[in-house]
Amino acid sequence: YVDFCAIYSRVKNTILDVFAGPAEKGIYSPSVQQTQFLTQKKILLANPEIEDVKMSMPNRHYFPVDFSKFPIPGITGEGAGQVLLPVDKPSGMITSKLARSQIVAK
């Protein structure tokens, strides 16, 4: 018996946890590829029923726009006044796949 609803819930929560982090502060990602790998690994370790995980997402770029000269009340600290302007079209897709057999046990 495989409880697909429970597995789906664990996978969804893992994706949100690794990509977004805590709601109040988020999480730093050095690269989408690294975050995909960490997500895939965590999914595989938590769900023995899953043999491999493939992820695909648009490669989006953002240009910084300096709004520091226009302070917004209540927004202070690192990153205050920084706005990221998305490029209107993605530059391809970032795709990765991790199989259970590729995980090195420690």
Protein backbone atom coordinates (compact mmCIF):
# COMPACT_ATOMS: atom_id res chain seq x y z
CA TYR A 1 0.00 0.00 0.00
CA VAL A 2 1.35 3.43 -0.98
CA ASP A 3 -0.25 6.48 0.63
CA PHE A 4 0.02 8.90 -2.31
CA CYS A 5 -1.68 11.75 -0.40
CA ALA A 6 0.87 11.57 2.43
CA ILE A 7 3.79 11.39 -0.01
CA TYR A 8 2.43 14.32 -2.03
CA SER A 9 2.10 16.36 1.16
CA ARG A 10 5.67 15.56 2.27
CA VAL A 11 7.08 16.39 -1.18
CA LYS A 12 5.16 19.68 -1.38
CA ASN A 13 6.27 20.68 2.12
CA THR A 14 9.88 19.80 1.32
CA ILE A 15 9.83 21.96 -1.82
CA LEU A 16 8.37 24.90 0.09
CA ASP A 17 10.80 24.43 2.99
CA VAL A 18 13.95 24.22 0.86
CA PHE A 19 13.04 26.85 -1.76
CA ALA A 20 11.29 29.40 0.46
CA GLY A 21 12.52 28.77 4.01
CA PRO A 22 10.83 30.37 7.01
CA ALA A 23 8.10 32.84 6.00
CA GLU A 24 9.48 35.64 8.16
CA LYS A 25 12.96 35.70 6.59
CA GLY A 26 13.19 33.36 3.60
CA ILE A 27 16.36 31.48 2.73
CA TYR A 28 19.47 32.32 0.72
CA SER A 29 20.08 30.23 -2.39
CA PRO A 30 23.56 30.30 -3.96
CA SER A 31 22.08 28.83 -7.16
CA VAL A 32 18.87 27.28 -8.42
CA GLN A 33 20.80 24.12 -9.31
CA GLN A 34 22.07 23.73 -5.73
CA THR A 35 18.59 24.32 -4.31
CA GLN A 36 17.10 21.79 -6.74
CA PHE A 37 19.69 19.22 -5.65
CA LEU A 38 19.06 19.81 -1.93
CA THR A 39 15.30 19.55 -2.50
CA GLN A 40 15.61 16.34 -4.51
CA LYS A 41 17.92 14.76 -1.93
CA LYS A 42 15.64 15.67 0.97
CA ILE A 43 12.61 14.25 -0.91
CA LEU A 44 14.40 10.97 -1.61
CA LEU A 45 15.65 10.60 1.97
CA ALA A 46 12.16 11.21 3.41
CA ASN A 47 10.25 9.03 0.93
CA PRO A 48 11.64 5.54 0.30
CA GLU A 49 8.81 4.91 -2.19
CA ILE A 50 10.28 7.46 -4.62
CA GLU A 51 13.07 6.23 -6.89
CA ASP A 52 14.07 9.53 -8.53
CA VAL A 53 13.07 13.21 -8.64
CA LYS A 54 13.17 15.40 -11.74
CA MET A 55 12.73 19.17 -11.48
CA SER A 56 12.38 21.74 -14.23
CA MET A 57 11.92 25.48 -13.89
CA PRO A 58 12.40 28.59 -16.00
CA ASN A 59 15.78 30.28 -15.82
CA ARG A 60 14.61 33.76 -14.89
CA HIS A 61 16.87 36.76 -14.43
CA TYR A 62 16.28 39.89 -12.39
CA PHE A 63 17.95 43.27 -12.65
CA PRO A 64 18.44 45.29 -9.47
CA VAL A 65 16.79 48.72 -9.38
CA ASP A 66 18.07 51.03 -6.65
CA PHE A 67 15.14 52.64 -4.82
CA SER A 68 17.23 53.53 -1.73
CA LYS A 69 16.72 57.24 -2.46
CA PHE A 70 12.97 56.70 -1.96
CA PRO A 71 12.68 55.30 1.56
CA ILE A 72 9.53 53.36 2.39
CA PRO A 73 8.30 53.82 5.96
CA GLY A 74 8.72 50.69 8.05
CA ILE A 75 11.19 48.99 5.68
CA THR A 76 14.71 49.16 7.05
CA GLY A 77 17.84 47.07 7.19
CA GLU A 78 19.73 45.09 4.60
CA GLY A 79 18.00 45.14 1.23
CA ALA A 80 15.76 48.10 2.09
CA GLY A 81 15.08 50.02 -1.10
CA GLN A 82 16.23 47.17 -3.33
CA VAL A 83 13.76 46.12 -6.00
CA LEU A 84 14.39 43.32 -8.48
CA LEU A 85 12.93 43.84 -11.94
CA PRO A 86 12.26 40.54 -13.74
CA VAL A 87 13.26 40.04 -17.35
CA ASP A 88 10.05 39.42 -19.29
CA LYS A 89 11.16 36.10 -20.84
CA PRO A 90 13.06 33.21 -19.25
CA SER A 91 16.48 32.27 -20.64
CA GLY A 92 15.75 28.57 -21.10
CA MET A 93 14.97 25.93 -18.50
CA ILE A 94 16.97 24.61 -15.56
CA THR A 95 16.35 20.87 -15.37
CA SER A 96 17.85 18.30 -13.02
CA LYS A 97 17.23 14.73 -11.98
CA LEU A 98 18.48 12.89 -8.90
CA ALA A 99 18.09 9.15 -8.48
CA ARG A 100 18.19 7.30 -5.18
CA SER A 101 21.24 5.39 -6.47
CA GLN A 102 23.17 8.69 -6.80
CA ILE A 103 22.86 9.60 -3.12
CA VAL A 104 26.05 8.82 -1.22
CA ALA A 105 25.30 7.52 2.28
CA LYS A 106 27.17 9.25 5.11
